[in-house]
Amino acid sequence: MSERAFKPLHIAVLVVSDSRTEKTDKSGKLLVSRLEAAGHGLYEKSIVPDDIYQIRAQVARWCATSDVDAVLATGGTGVTGRDGTPEAVAVLLDKEIEGFGELFRYLSYQEIGTSSLQSRALAGVANGTYIFCLPGSAGACATAWDKIISQQLDYRTRPCNLVELMPRLKES
């Protein structure tokens, strides 16, 4: 079996926070660094407040263009009153990838124990674009990218990966 060639994707990064700025953001910077090191391209990075309508509007804009293959959102996945990323994104999804949240919490449990139950990490597909909603900590973003997302957004991953499904995401 021959080795498949890497297929670079265009990935947008959304930082959801009421307090972080470009200067103080660590999680978004970590994701940008990781995706670029893997050979993907950053489409755009944005920081929005923890407001479901602003989150939804930004993700919807990216999903409306064929130039964005995936969105990585960090922040707003907890259980406090201001945490609204899952609610903002869920209504946009054509399909949810339930296994992502389950696998993320399993891996997080190995690192932070029962505190992992506080994460409402989510992934799915909207208009042919993959969306991953991650907790706001840099550690959680590293876990999600290093142990799940990087392999699934790599066409060379066997036996299967999300990239090879991309041509079929808009089938009806």
N, C-alpha and C. Protein backbone atom coordinates (compact mmCIF):
# COMPACT_ATOMS: atom_id res chain seq x y z
N MET A 1 0.84 -1.17 0.00
CA MET A 1 0.00 0.00 0.00
C MET A 1 0.89 1.24 0.00
N SER A 2 0.64 2.17 -0.90
CA SER A 2 1.48 3.35 -1.00
C SER A 2 1.04 4.43 -0.02
N GLU A 3 1.99 5.25 0.36
CA GLU A 3 1.73 6.37 1.28
C GLU A 3 0.90 7.44 0.56
N ARG A 4 -0.12 7.94 1.22
CA ARG A 4 -0.93 9.02 0.64
C ARG A 4 -0.22 10.36 0.87
N ALA A 5 -0.45 11.29 -0.02
CA ALA A 5 0.12 12.63 0.11
C ALA A 5 -0.70 13.46 1.09
N PHE A 6 -0.03 14.30 1.85
CA PHE A 6 -0.69 15.20 2.78
C PHE A 6 -1.55 16.20 2.01
N LYS A 7 -2.74 16.51 2.51
CA LYS A 7 -3.61 17.51 1.92
C LYS A 7 -3.80 18.65 2.91
N PRO A 8 -3.15 19.79 2.67
CA PRO A 8 -3.30 20.91 3.61
C PRO A 8 -4.72 21.49 3.55
N LEU A 9 -5.22 21.84 4.72
CA LEU A 9 -6.56 22.42 4.82
C LEU A 9 -6.45 23.89 5.21
N HIS A 10 -7.53 24.63 4.99
CA HIS A 10 -7.64 26.01 5.45
C HIS A 10 -8.50 25.98 6.71
N ILE A 11 -7.91 26.39 7.82
CA ILE A 11 -8.57 26.27 9.12
C ILE A 11 -8.70 27.65 9.77
N ALA A 12 -9.90 27.93 10.25
CA ALA A 12 -10.16 29.18 10.98
C ALA A 12 -10.14 28.88 12.48
N VAL A 13 -9.66 29.83 13.26
CA VAL A 13 -9.59 29.67 14.71
C VAL A 13 -10.40 30.78 15.37
N LEU A 14 -11.31 30.37 16.24
CA LEU A 14 -12.15 31.31 16.97
C LEU A 14 -11.86 31.20 18.46
N VAL A 15 -11.50 32.31 19.08
CA VAL A 15 -11.29 32.37 20.52
C VAL A 15 -12.53 33.04 21.12
N VAL A 16 -13.21 32.32 22.00
CA VAL A 16 -14.40 32.84 22.66
C VAL A 16 -14.01 33.24 24.07
N SER A 17 -14.05 34.54 24.34
CA SER A 17 -13.64 35.02 25.66
C SER A 17 -14.11 36.45 25.87
N ASP A 18 -14.51 36.73 27.10
CA ASP A 18 -14.87 38.10 27.49
C ASP A 18 -13.65 38.89 27.93
N SER A 19 -12.53 38.20 28.18
CA SER A 19 -11.38 38.89 28.76
C SER A 19 -10.09 38.77 27.94
N ARG A 20 -9.97 37.80 27.07
CA ARG A 20 -8.71 37.62 26.34
C ARG A 20 -8.59 38.58 25.17
N THR A 21 -7.36 38.98 24.93
CA THR A 21 -7.02 39.82 23.78
C THR A 21 -6.00 39.06 22.95
N GLU A 22 -5.64 39.61 21.82
CA GLU A 22 -4.61 38.96 21.00
C GLU A 22 -3.32 38.81 21.80
N LYS A 23 -3.04 39.75 22.68
CA LYS A 23 -1.82 39.71 23.48
C LYS A 23 -1.88 38.64 24.57
N THR A 24 -3.04 38.45 25.20
CA THR A 24 -3.15 37.52 26.33
C THR A 24 -3.66 36.14 25.94
N ASP A 25 -4.09 35.97 24.70
CA ASP A 25 -4.61 34.68 24.25
C ASP A 25 -3.51 33.63 24.16
N LYS A 26 -3.70 32.50 24.82
CA LYS A 26 -2.74 31.39 24.72
C LYS A 26 -3.34 30.23 23.92
N SER A 27 -4.60 29.94 24.11
CA SER A 27 -5.22 28.78 23.46
C SER A 27 -5.30 28.94 21.95
N GLY A 28 -5.76 30.09 21.50
CA GLY A 28 -5.83 30.34 20.05
C GLY A 28 -4.46 30.30 19.41
N LYS A 29 -3.49 30.89 20.08
CA LYS A 29 -2.12 30.88 19.56
C LYS A 29 -1.58 29.46 19.48
N LEU A 30 -1.90 28.64 20.49
CA LEU A 30 -1.46 27.24 20.48
C LEU A 30 -2.06 26.51 19.28
N LEU A 31 -3.36 26.71 19.05
CA LEU A 31 -4.00 26.03 17.91
C LEU A 31 -3.42 26.49 16.58
N VAL A 32 -3.19 27.78 16.43
CA VAL A 32 -2.59 28.29 15.19
C VAL A 32 -1.20 27.68 15.00
N SER A 33 -0.40 27.66 16.05
CA SER A 33 0.94 27.09 15.98
C SER A 33 0.89 25.62 15.57
N ARG A 34 -0.01 24.85 16.20
CA ARG A 34 -0.11 23.42 15.92
C ARG A 34 -0.59 23.17 14.50
N LEU A 35 -1.61 23.89 14.05
CA LEU A 35 -2.14 23.62 12.71
C LEU A 35 -1.12 24.01 11.63
N GLU A 36 -0.40 25.10 11.85
CA GLU A 36 0.62 25.49 10.88
C GLU A 36 1.79 24.52 10.89
N ALA A 37 2.19 24.06 12.07
CA ALA A 37 3.29 23.08 12.15
C ALA A 37 2.92 21.78 11.45
N ALA A 38 1.64 21.45 11.44
CA ALA A 38 1.18 20.23 10.77
C ALA A 38 1.13 20.39 9.25
N GLY A 39 1.23 21.63 8.76
CA GLY A 39 1.21 21.87 7.32
C GLY A 39 -0.08 22.48 6.81
N HIS A 40 -1.01 22.76 7.69
CA HIS A 40 -2.27 23.40 7.29
C HIS A 40 -2.07 24.91 7.25
N GLY A 41 -3.03 25.61 6.64
CA GLY A 41 -2.97 27.06 6.57
C GLY A 41 -4.03 27.70 7.46
N LEU A 42 -3.67 28.79 8.10
CA LEU A 42 -4.63 29.55 8.89
C LEU A 42 -5.43 30.43 7.95
N TYR A 43 -6.74 30.23 7.90
CA TYR A 43 -7.61 31.08 7.08
C TYR A 43 -7.78 32.43 7.76
N GLU A 44 -8.11 32.38 9.04
CA GLU A 44 -8.33 33.60 9.81
C GLU A 44 -8.44 33.23 11.28
N LYS A 45 -8.07 34.17 12.14
CA LYS A 45 -8.27 34.00 13.59
C LYS A 45 -9.07 35.19 14.09
N SER A 46 -10.03 34.89 14.96
CA SER A 46 -10.88 35.95 15.49
C SER A 46 -11.12 35.71 16.98
N ILE A 47 -11.27 36.79 17.72
CA ILE A 47 -11.63 36.73 19.13
C ILE A 47 -12.98 37.41 19.28
N VAL A 48 -13.95 36.69 19.85
CA VAL A 48 -15.28 37.26 20.08
C VAL A 48 -15.67 37.05 21.54
N PRO A 49 -16.54 37.92 22.06
CA PRO A 49 -17.01 37.73 23.44
C PRO A 49 -17.86 36.47 23.56
N ASP A 50 -18.06 36.05 24.79
CA ASP A 50 -18.87 34.87 25.09
C ASP A 50 -20.35 35.24 24.93
N ASP A 51 -20.77 35.44 23.70
CA ASP A 51 -22.13 35.83 23.35
C ASP A 51 -22.58 34.91 22.22
N ILE A 52 -23.66 34.15 22.43
CA ILE A 52 -24.02 33.12 21.45
C ILE A 52 -24.27 33.69 20.05
N TYR A 53 -24.77 34.90 19.96
CA TYR A 53 -25.07 35.46 18.65
C TYR A 53 -23.81 35.88 17.90
N GLN A 54 -22.82 36.42 18.63
CA GLN A 54 -21.56 36.77 17.98
C GLN A 54 -20.76 35.52 17.60
N ILE A 55 -20.80 34.51 18.47
CA ILE A 55 -20.13 33.24 18.15
C ILE A 55 -20.77 32.63 16.92
N ARG A 56 -22.08 32.51 16.94
CA ARG A 56 -22.82 31.90 15.82
C ARG A 56 -22.58 32.65 14.52
N ALA A 57 -22.60 33.98 14.58
CA ALA A 57 -22.40 34.79 13.37
C ALA A 57 -21.02 34.55 12.77
N GLN A 58 -19.98 34.50 13.61
CA GLN A 58 -18.63 34.28 13.08
C GLN A 58 -18.48 32.89 12.49
N VAL A 59 -18.94 31.88 13.19
CA VAL A 59 -18.84 30.51 12.67
C VAL A 59 -19.66 30.37 11.39
N ALA A 60 -20.85 30.96 11.36
CA ALA A 60 -21.70 30.89 10.17
C ALA A 60 -21.02 31.56 8.97
N ARG A 61 -20.35 32.69 9.19
CA ARG A 61 -19.63 33.37 8.10
C ARG A 61 -18.57 32.44 7.51
N TRP A 62 -17.82 31.78 8.38
CA TRP A 62 -16.77 30.88 7.90
C TRP A 62 -17.37 29.68 7.18
N CYS A 63 -18.47 29.15 7.69
CA CYS A 63 -19.10 27.98 7.05
C CYS A 63 -19.76 28.33 5.72
N ALA A 64 -20.07 29.61 5.53
CA ALA A 64 -20.73 30.04 4.29
C ALA A 64 -19.75 30.16 3.13
N THR A 65 -18.44 30.14 3.42
CA THR A 65 -17.46 30.23 2.34
C THR A 65 -16.85 28.86 2.08
N SER A 66 -16.60 28.57 0.84
CA SER A 66 -15.96 27.29 0.50
C SER A 66 -14.46 27.33 0.78
N ASP A 67 -13.95 28.47 1.22
CA ASP A 67 -12.51 28.61 1.50
C ASP A 67 -12.10 28.05 2.86
N VAL A 68 -13.05 27.74 3.74
CA VAL A 68 -12.75 27.24 5.07
C VAL A 68 -13.13 25.76 5.15
N ASP A 69 -12.15 24.92 5.48
CA ASP A 69 -12.40 23.48 5.60
C ASP A 69 -12.78 23.08 7.02
N ALA A 70 -12.26 23.80 8.01
CA ALA A 70 -12.52 23.46 9.40
C ALA A 70 -12.43 24.71 10.27
N VAL A 71 -13.18 24.69 11.36
CA VAL A 71 -13.16 25.76 12.35
C VAL A 71 -12.80 25.14 13.70
N LEU A 72 -11.82 25.75 14.37
CA LEU A 72 -11.46 25.35 15.72
C LEU A 72 -11.86 26.48 16.65
N ALA A 73 -12.85 26.25 17.50
CA ALA A 73 -13.29 27.26 18.46
C ALA A 73 -12.81 26.85 19.84
N THR A 74 -12.27 27.80 20.58
CA THR A 74 -11.80 27.52 21.93
C THR A 74 -12.45 28.48 22.91
N GLY A 75 -13.03 27.92 23.96
CA GLY A 75 -13.66 28.72 24.99
C GLY A 75 -15.17 28.59 24.96
N GLY A 76 -15.79 28.82 26.11
CA GLY A 76 -17.24 28.84 26.21
C GLY A 76 -17.92 27.49 26.23
N THR A 77 -17.18 26.42 26.55
CA THR A 77 -17.79 25.08 26.55
C THR A 77 -18.08 24.56 27.96
N GLY A 78 -17.92 25.41 28.95
CA GLY A 78 -18.17 24.98 30.34
C GLY A 78 -19.66 25.06 30.69
N VAL A 79 -19.94 25.16 31.98
CA VAL A 79 -21.33 25.12 32.44
C VAL A 79 -21.79 26.41 33.11
N THR A 80 -20.97 27.46 33.09
CA THR A 80 -21.39 28.70 33.73
C THR A 80 -22.38 29.45 32.84
N GLY A 81 -22.97 30.47 33.39
CA GLY A 81 -23.99 31.23 32.67
C GLY A 81 -23.51 31.85 31.38
N ARG A 82 -22.24 32.23 31.29
CA ARG A 82 -21.72 32.87 30.08
C ARG A 82 -21.20 31.86 29.05
N ASP A 83 -21.11 30.58 29.41
CA ASP A 83 -20.60 29.58 28.47
C ASP A 83 -21.70 29.19 27.49
N GLY A 84 -21.54 29.63 26.23
CA GLY A 84 -22.60 29.38 25.25
C GLY A 84 -22.14 28.87 23.91
N THR A 85 -20.88 28.47 23.80
CA THR A 85 -20.40 28.02 22.49
C THR A 85 -21.18 26.82 21.95
N PRO A 86 -21.45 25.77 22.74
CA PRO A 86 -22.23 24.65 22.18
C PRO A 86 -23.62 25.08 21.70
N GLU A 87 -24.28 25.96 22.44
CA GLU A 87 -25.60 26.44 22.03
C GLU A 87 -25.51 27.27 20.75
N ALA A 88 -24.45 28.07 20.64
CA ALA A 88 -24.28 28.90 19.45
C ALA A 88 -24.04 28.07 18.20
N VAL A 89 -23.26 27.01 18.35
CA VAL A 89 -22.85 26.21 17.19
C VAL A 89 -23.82 25.09 16.86
N ALA A 90 -24.42 24.47 17.85
CA ALA A 90 -25.26 23.28 17.61
C ALA A 90 -26.35 23.53 16.57
N VAL A 91 -26.95 24.71 16.58
CA VAL A 91 -28.03 24.98 15.63
C VAL A 91 -27.54 25.10 14.19
N LEU A 92 -26.24 25.31 14.01
CA LEU A 92 -25.67 25.41 12.67
C LEU A 92 -25.35 24.04 12.07
N LEU A 93 -25.22 23.03 12.92
CA LEU A 93 -24.72 21.73 12.48
C LEU A 93 -25.74 20.96 11.65
N ASP A 94 -25.25 20.41 10.54
CA ASP A 94 -26.04 19.47 9.76
C ASP A 94 -25.95 18.08 10.39
N LYS A 95 -24.78 17.80 10.94
CA LYS A 95 -24.54 16.53 11.62
C LYS A 95 -23.59 16.78 12.79
N GLU A 96 -23.89 16.17 13.93
CA GLU A 96 -22.98 16.22 15.07
C GLU A 96 -22.10 14.99 15.03
N ILE A 97 -20.84 15.16 15.42
CA ILE A 97 -19.91 14.05 15.54
C ILE A 97 -19.80 13.74 17.04
N GLU A 98 -20.74 12.94 17.54
CA GLU A 98 -20.83 12.68 18.98
C GLU A 98 -19.55 12.08 19.54
N GLY A 99 -18.89 11.25 18.76
CA GLY A 99 -17.68 10.59 19.24
C GLY A 99 -16.58 11.55 19.63
N PHE A 100 -16.55 12.75 19.05
CA PHE A 100 -15.50 13.70 19.41
C PHE A 100 -15.60 14.10 20.88
N GLY A 101 -16.77 14.54 21.30
CA GLY A 101 -16.94 14.95 22.70
C GLY A 101 -16.68 13.80 23.66
N GLU A 102 -17.17 12.63 23.29
CA GLU A 102 -16.96 11.45 24.14
C GLU A 102 -15.48 11.13 24.26
N LEU A 103 -14.78 11.10 23.13
CA LEU A 103 -13.36 10.79 23.14
C LEU A 103 -12.56 11.87 23.85
N PHE A 104 -12.91 13.14 23.62
CA PHE A 104 -12.20 14.22 24.29
C PHE A 104 -12.32 14.11 25.80
N ARG A 105 -13.53 13.87 26.30
CA ARG A 105 -13.71 13.75 27.75
C ARG A 105 -12.99 12.53 28.31
N TYR A 106 -12.95 11.44 27.55
CA TYR A 106 -12.21 10.25 27.99
C TYR A 106 -10.71 10.57 28.13
N LEU A 107 -10.15 11.22 27.11
CA LEU A 107 -8.73 11.58 27.17
C LEU A 107 -8.47 12.60 28.27
N SER A 108 -9.38 13.56 28.44
CA SER A 108 -9.23 14.57 29.49
C SER A 108 -9.30 13.93 30.87
N TYR A 109 -10.15 12.93 31.03
CA TYR A 109 -10.27 12.24 32.31
C TYR A 109 -8.92 11.65 32.72
N GLN A 110 -8.17 11.15 31.76
CA GLN A 110 -6.86 10.58 32.05
C GLN A 110 -5.89 11.66 32.53
N GLU A 111 -6.15 12.91 32.18
CA GLU A 111 -5.27 14.01 32.55
C GLU A 111 -5.75 14.80 33.77
N ILE A 112 -7.07 15.05 33.85
CA ILE A 112 -7.57 15.92 34.91
C ILE A 112 -8.66 15.26 35.77
N GLY A 113 -8.87 13.97 35.59
CA GLY A 113 -9.84 13.25 36.41
C GLY A 113 -11.27 13.68 36.15
N THR A 114 -12.06 13.65 37.21
CA THR A 114 -13.49 13.90 37.05
C THR A 114 -13.83 15.33 36.65
N SER A 115 -12.90 16.24 36.71
CA SER A 115 -13.15 17.61 36.23
C SER A 115 -13.50 17.61 34.75
N SER A 116 -13.15 16.54 34.05
CA SER A 116 -13.45 16.46 32.61
C SER A 116 -14.95 16.48 32.33
N LEU A 117 -15.79 16.12 33.31
CA LEU A 117 -17.24 16.12 33.06
C LEU A 117 -17.78 17.54 32.86
N GLN A 118 -17.01 18.55 33.23
CA GLN A 118 -17.47 19.94 33.06
C GLN A 118 -17.36 20.42 31.62
N SER A 119 -16.69 19.67 30.76
CA SER A 119 -16.51 20.08 29.38
C SER A 119 -17.67 19.63 28.51
N ARG A 120 -18.17 20.57 27.72
CA ARG A 120 -19.20 20.25 26.74
C ARG A 120 -18.61 20.36 25.34
N ALA A 121 -17.39 19.84 25.18
CA ALA A 121 -16.72 19.84 23.88
C ALA A 121 -17.65 19.21 22.85
N LEU A 122 -17.61 19.75 21.64
CA LEU A 122 -18.57 19.39 20.61
C LEU A 122 -17.89 19.45 19.25
N ALA A 123 -18.34 18.61 18.33
CA ALA A 123 -17.85 18.70 16.95
C ALA A 123 -18.98 18.30 16.02
N GLY A 124 -18.87 18.78 14.79
CA GLY A 124 -19.87 18.43 13.79
C GLY A 124 -19.52 19.01 12.44
N VAL A 125 -20.49 18.92 11.54
CA VAL A 125 -20.32 19.41 10.17
C VAL A 125 -21.44 20.40 9.87
N ALA A 126 -21.08 21.56 9.32
CA ALA A 126 -22.05 22.55 8.89
C ALA A 126 -21.67 23.02 7.49
N ASN A 127 -22.54 22.80 6.53
CA ASN A 127 -22.31 23.23 5.15
C ASN A 127 -20.96 22.73 4.61
N GLY A 128 -20.62 21.50 4.94
CA GLY A 128 -19.38 20.91 4.45
C GLY A 128 -18.13 21.33 5.21
N THR A 129 -18.28 22.06 6.31
CA THR A 129 -17.16 22.53 7.11
C THR A 129 -17.16 21.81 8.46
N TYR A 130 -16.02 21.28 8.86
CA TYR A 130 -15.89 20.66 10.17
C TYR A 130 -15.76 21.75 11.22
N ILE A 131 -16.44 21.58 12.35
CA ILE A 131 -16.36 22.52 13.45
C ILE A 131 -16.02 21.74 14.73
N PHE A 132 -15.02 22.21 15.44
CA PHE A 132 -14.62 21.61 16.71
C PHE A 132 -14.70 22.69 17.78
N CYS A 133 -15.48 22.45 18.82
CA CYS A 133 -15.61 23.39 19.93
C CYS A 133 -14.87 22.82 21.13
N LEU A 134 -13.82 23.52 21.54
CA LEU A 134 -12.91 23.05 22.58
C LEU A 134 -12.98 23.95 23.80
N PRO A 135 -12.61 23.41 24.96
CA PRO A 135 -12.50 24.27 26.15
C PRO A 135 -11.47 25.37 25.93
N GLY A 136 -11.50 26.37 26.81
CA GLY A 136 -10.64 27.53 26.65
C GLY A 136 -9.22 27.39 27.15
N SER A 137 -8.92 26.33 27.87
CA SER A 137 -7.55 26.20 28.40
C SER A 137 -6.59 25.69 27.31
N ALA A 138 -5.37 26.17 27.39
CA ALA A 138 -4.35 25.74 26.43
C ALA A 138 -4.10 24.23 26.55
N GLY A 139 -4.16 23.70 27.76
CA GLY A 139 -3.96 22.26 27.95
C GLY A 139 -5.03 21.45 27.25
N ALA A 140 -6.27 21.89 27.36
CA ALA A 140 -7.37 21.18 26.69
C ALA A 140 -7.22 21.27 25.17
N CYS A 141 -6.80 22.42 24.67
CA CYS A 141 -6.60 22.57 23.24
C CYS A 141 -5.47 21.67 22.74
N ALA A 142 -4.41 21.58 23.52
CA ALA A 142 -3.30 20.69 23.16
C ALA A 142 -3.77 19.24 23.13
N THR A 143 -4.53 18.82 24.12
CA THR A 143 -5.05 17.45 24.15
C THR A 143 -5.92 17.18 22.93
N ALA A 144 -6.84 18.08 22.64
CA ALA A 144 -7.75 17.89 21.51
C ALA A 144 -6.99 17.83 20.19
N TRP A 145 -6.05 18.76 19.98
CA TRP A 145 -5.31 18.79 18.72
C TRP A 145 -4.37 17.58 18.62
N ASP A 146 -3.55 17.38 19.65
CA ASP A 146 -2.50 16.36 19.59
C ASP A 146 -3.05 14.94 19.54
N LYS A 147 -4.15 14.69 20.23
CA LYS A 147 -4.63 13.32 20.37
C LYS A 147 -5.83 12.97 19.50
N ILE A 148 -6.49 13.96 18.91
CA ILE A 148 -7.67 13.66 18.09
C ILE A 148 -7.65 14.40 16.75
N ILE A 149 -7.73 15.72 16.82
CA ILE A 149 -7.96 16.51 15.62
C ILE A 149 -6.84 16.39 14.60
N SER A 150 -5.59 16.44 15.04
CA SER A 150 -4.47 16.40 14.10
C SER A 150 -4.50 15.14 13.24
N GLN A 151 -4.86 14.00 13.83
CA GLN A 151 -4.93 12.76 13.05
C GLN A 151 -6.14 12.74 12.12
N GLN A 152 -7.27 13.25 12.59
CA GLN A 152 -8.47 13.21 11.78
C GLN A 152 -8.47 14.25 10.66
N LEU A 153 -7.65 15.28 10.78
CA LEU A 153 -7.51 16.26 9.70
C LEU A 153 -6.25 16.00 8.88
N ASP A 154 -5.77 14.78 8.93
CA ASP A 154 -4.60 14.37 8.14
C ASP A 154 -5.03 13.24 7.21
N TYR A 155 -5.00 13.50 5.92
CA TYR A 155 -5.44 12.55 4.90
C TYR A 155 -4.67 11.23 4.96
N ARG A 156 -3.48 11.27 5.54
CA ARG A 156 -2.64 10.06 5.59
C ARG A 156 -3.03 9.10 6.70
N THR A 157 -3.88 9.53 7.63
CA THR A 157 -4.28 8.69 8.76
C THR A 157 -5.11 7.51 8.27
N ARG A 158 -4.70 6.31 8.66
CA ARG A 158 -5.42 5.09 8.31
C ARG A 158 -5.96 4.44 9.56
N PRO A 159 -7.07 3.76 9.56
CA PRO A 159 -7.78 3.30 8.38
C PRO A 159 -8.67 4.36 7.75
N CYS A 160 -9.01 5.42 8.48
CA CYS A 160 -9.85 6.46 7.87
C CYS A 160 -9.65 7.77 8.61
N ASN A 161 -10.12 8.85 7.99
CA ASN A 161 -9.98 10.18 8.55
C ASN A 161 -11.09 11.07 8.01
N LEU A 162 -11.24 12.24 8.60
CA LEU A 162 -12.30 13.15 8.17
C LEU A 162 -12.02 13.81 6.83
N VAL A 163 -10.76 13.96 6.46
CA VAL A 163 -10.40 14.62 5.20
C VAL A 163 -10.91 13.84 4.01
N GLU A 164 -10.81 12.52 4.05
CA GLU A 164 -11.25 11.73 2.90
C GLU A 164 -12.76 11.79 2.71
N LEU A 165 -13.49 12.21 3.72
CA LEU A 165 -14.95 12.34 3.61
C LEU A 165 -15.38 13.70 3.07
N MET A 166 -14.48 14.66 3.03
CA MET A 166 -14.83 16.02 2.64
C MET A 166 -15.54 16.14 1.30
N PRO A 167 -15.13 15.41 0.27
CA PRO A 167 -15.85 15.54 -1.01
C PRO A 167 -17.31 15.11 -0.94
N ARG A 168 -17.67 14.35 0.08
CA ARG A 168 -19.03 13.82 0.18
C ARG A 168 -19.89 14.50 1.24
N LEU A 169 -19.38 15.53 1.90
CA LEU A 169 -20.09 16.13 3.01
C LEU A 169 -21.39 16.82 2.61
N LYS A 170 -21.48 17.30 1.38
CA LYS A 170 -22.67 18.02 0.94
C LYS A 170 -23.62 17.15 0.12
N GLU A 171 -23.39 15.84 0.12
CA GLU A 171 -24.29 14.95 -0.61
C GLU A 171 -25.68 15.02 -0.01
N SER A 172 -26.67 14.80 -0.87
CA SER A 172 -28.04 14.73 -0.35
C SER A 172 -28.73 13.48 -0.86
